[in-house]
Amino acid sequence: MEPRFLLLSDVAAELNVSDSQVYHMVRSGELPAIKIGGRGQWRVERARLEEYIQQKYAETADWVRSNPLTERDAE
């Protein structure tokens, strides 16, 4: 069974980005997370990460539709 909550480093590995990029996404509110414990460690719920990924797929699809590939781009 996979854990419900992920460390920011786990999220970074999943998305293939740096830990600092994930921290910025969390602090900016782009990626929902919770702060737990006395030292305030961040955790991202796996379900929220999956929702975030699906949102990014939808945003990318919209962008692709709005910016069709031209012959110059294909080269």
Protein backbone atom coordinates (compact mmCIF):
# COMPACT_ATOMS: atom_id res chain seq x y z
CA MET A 1 0.00 0.00 0.00
CA GLU A 2 1.36 3.42 -0.96
CA PRO A 3 1.58 6.09 1.76
CA ARG A 4 -1.17 8.71 1.82
CA PHE A 5 1.27 11.59 2.29
CA LEU A 6 4.52 12.27 0.44
CA LEU A 7 7.62 14.21 1.40
CA LEU A 8 8.47 17.11 -0.88
CA SER A 9 11.50 15.12 -2.04
CA ASP A 10 9.17 12.25 -3.03
CA VAL A 11 7.01 14.68 -5.01
CA ALA A 12 10.12 16.09 -6.69
CA ALA A 13 11.21 12.58 -7.70
CA GLU A 14 7.72 11.78 -9.01
CA LEU A 15 7.62 14.95 -11.14
CA ASN A 16 11.33 14.79 -12.04
CA VAL A 17 11.98 18.33 -10.80
CA SER A 18 14.12 19.73 -7.98
CA ASP A 19 13.11 19.82 -4.33
CA SER A 20 13.27 23.62 -4.44
CA GLN A 21 10.83 23.73 -7.36
CA VAL A 22 8.33 21.65 -5.37
CA TYR A 23 8.85 23.86 -2.32
CA HIS A 24 8.06 26.93 -4.44
CA MET A 25 4.94 25.23 -5.87
CA VAL A 26 3.75 24.48 -2.33
CA ARG A 27 4.57 27.91 -0.89
CA SER A 28 2.90 29.70 -3.82
CA GLY A 29 -0.27 27.63 -3.35
CA GLU A 30 0.06 26.00 -6.77
CA LEU A 31 0.32 22.53 -5.17
CA PRO A 32 -1.82 21.95 -2.06
CA ALA A 33 0.10 20.66 0.96
CA ILE A 34 -0.05 20.56 4.74
CA LYS A 35 2.52 21.55 7.32
CA ILE A 36 2.83 19.09 10.20
CA GLY A 37 4.85 18.51 13.34
CA GLY A 38 6.76 20.83 15.60
CA ARG A 39 9.30 21.60 12.90
CA GLY A 40 6.61 22.30 10.30
CA GLN A 41 7.51 19.69 7.74
CA TRP A 42 5.55 19.81 4.50
CA ARG A 43 3.54 16.85 3.21
CA VAL A 44 1.59 16.48 -0.03
CA GLU A 45 -1.35 14.10 -0.12
CA ARG A 46 -0.96 11.62 -2.97
CA ALA A 47 -4.52 12.32 -4.18
CA ARG A 48 -3.74 16.06 -4.36
CA LEU A 49 -0.62 15.33 -6.39
CA GLU A 50 -2.63 13.22 -8.83
CA GLU A 51 -5.22 16.04 -9.13
CA TYR A 52 -2.39 18.50 -9.76
CA ILE A 53 -0.97 16.29 -12.52
CA GLN A 54 -4.39 15.96 -14.18
CA GLN A 55 -4.83 19.74 -13.97
CA LYS A 56 -1.47 20.21 -15.70
CA TYR A 57 -2.46 17.76 -18.45
CA ALA A 58 -5.65 19.79 -19.03
CA GLU A 59 -3.75 23.10 -19.06
CA THR A 60 -1.21 21.67 -21.50
CA ALA A 61 -3.95 20.35 -23.79
CA ASP A 62 -5.57 23.82 -23.81
CA TRP A 63 -2.23 25.41 -24.61
CA VAL A 64 -1.57 22.97 -27.46
CA ARG A 65 -5.02 23.68 -28.94
CA SER A 66 -4.37 27.43 -28.71
CA ASN A 67 -0.87 27.16 -30.17
CA PRO A 68 -1.02 24.79 -33.12
CA LEU A 69 2.18 23.41 -34.55
CA THR A 70 3.29 25.25 -37.67
CA GLU A 71 5.51 23.94 -40.44
CA ARG A 72 8.43 25.95 -39.07
CA ASP A 73 7.99 24.38 -35.62
CA ALA A 74 7.98 20.87 -37.08
CA GLU A 75 11.57 21.14 -38.34
